[in-house]
Protein backbone atom coordinates (compact mmCIF):
# COMPACT_ATOMS: atom_id res chain seq x y z
CA MET A 1 269.17 231.33 177.12
CA ARG A 2 270.69 234.15 179.12
CA GLN A 3 270.52 237.73 177.91
CA GLN A 4 274.29 237.95 177.67
CA ASP A 5 274.25 234.94 175.35
CA ALA A 6 271.36 236.23 173.27
CA LYS A 7 272.72 239.75 172.74
CA PRO A 8 275.56 238.97 170.29
CA LEU A 9 273.31 236.57 168.40
CA ILE A 10 270.58 239.20 168.06
CA ILE A 11 273.12 241.79 166.90
CA ARG A 12 274.51 239.36 164.33
CA GLU A 13 271.00 238.57 163.10
CA TRP A 14 270.22 242.30 162.86
CA ASP A 15 273.33 242.82 160.73
CA ARG A 16 272.22 240.02 158.42
CA TRP A 17 268.59 241.16 158.35
CA ILE A 18 269.30 244.83 157.65
CA GLN A 19 271.17 243.85 154.48
CA THR A 20 267.97 242.26 153.14
CA GLN A 21 265.88 245.38 153.73
CA PRO A 22 265.51 248.59 151.72
CA ILE A 23 266.89 250.48 154.71
CA ASP A 24 270.12 252.43 154.95
CA PRO A 25 271.90 250.80 157.91
CA GLU A 26 273.25 254.22 158.90
CA THR A 27 269.74 255.62 159.38
CA ALA A 28 267.89 252.63 160.82
CA SER A 29 265.16 253.75 163.19
CA ALA A 30 263.23 252.39 166.13
CA ARG A 31 260.46 251.54 163.70
CA ASP A 32 262.87 249.43 161.65
CA SER A 33 264.08 247.64 164.74
CA PHE A 34 260.49 246.97 165.79
CA LYS A 35 259.83 245.40 162.39
CA PHE A 36 262.91 243.23 162.93
CA PHE A 37 261.68 242.23 166.38
CA LEU A 38 258.19 241.40 165.11
CA GLU A 39 259.63 239.24 162.35
CA LEU A 40 261.69 237.32 164.89
CA GLN A 41 258.65 236.96 167.10
CA GLU A 42 256.41 235.82 164.24
CA ALA A 43 259.00 233.24 163.19
CA ARG A 44 259.21 232.08 166.81
CA SER A 45 262.93 232.59 166.65
CA PRO A 46 264.91 230.88 169.39
CA LEU A 47 266.89 234.12 169.60
CA LEU A 48 264.04 235.52 171.66
CA ASP A 49 264.14 232.64 174.14
CA PHE A 50 266.08 234.65 176.71
CA ARG A 51 264.83 235.55 180.16
CA PRO A 52 263.61 239.14 180.22
CA ARG A 53 263.86 239.46 184.02
CA GLY A 54 260.63 241.44 184.30
CA GLN A 55 261.33 243.67 181.30
CA ASP A 56 259.72 243.76 177.90
CA LYS A 57 261.76 241.78 175.36
CA TRP A 58 261.20 244.42 172.69
CA GLN A 59 262.70 247.09 174.95
CA ILE A 60 265.68 244.88 175.69
CA VAL A 61 266.38 244.15 172.03
CA TYR A 62 265.88 247.80 171.08
CA GLY A 63 268.27 248.87 173.83
CA TRP A 64 270.92 246.47 172.57
CA LEU A 65 270.59 247.78 169.03
CA VAL A 66 270.84 251.39 170.21
CA ARG A 67 273.85 250.75 172.45
CA GLU A 68 275.62 248.87 169.67
CA GLY A 69 275.05 251.79 167.29
CA ARG A 70 272.81 249.84 164.94
CA VAL A 71 269.74 252.03 165.48
CA SER A 72 269.42 255.73 166.18
CA ASN A 73 267.70 256.63 169.41
């Protein structure tokens, strides 16, 4: 999967996931997004099957969440 294809799917999954957590979506932090990432990784989610092009997948996902305003920087 290409990053551009994975990004909207990851954002959509974040929006679903955050509703199941005791976290205020307006104040979600990097720590919260790391928990989200680890849960995807542990579940071997196909959402993480994108090519990182030499970058760390966690940093990519975190960057997407920050740029989309889902997580504070």
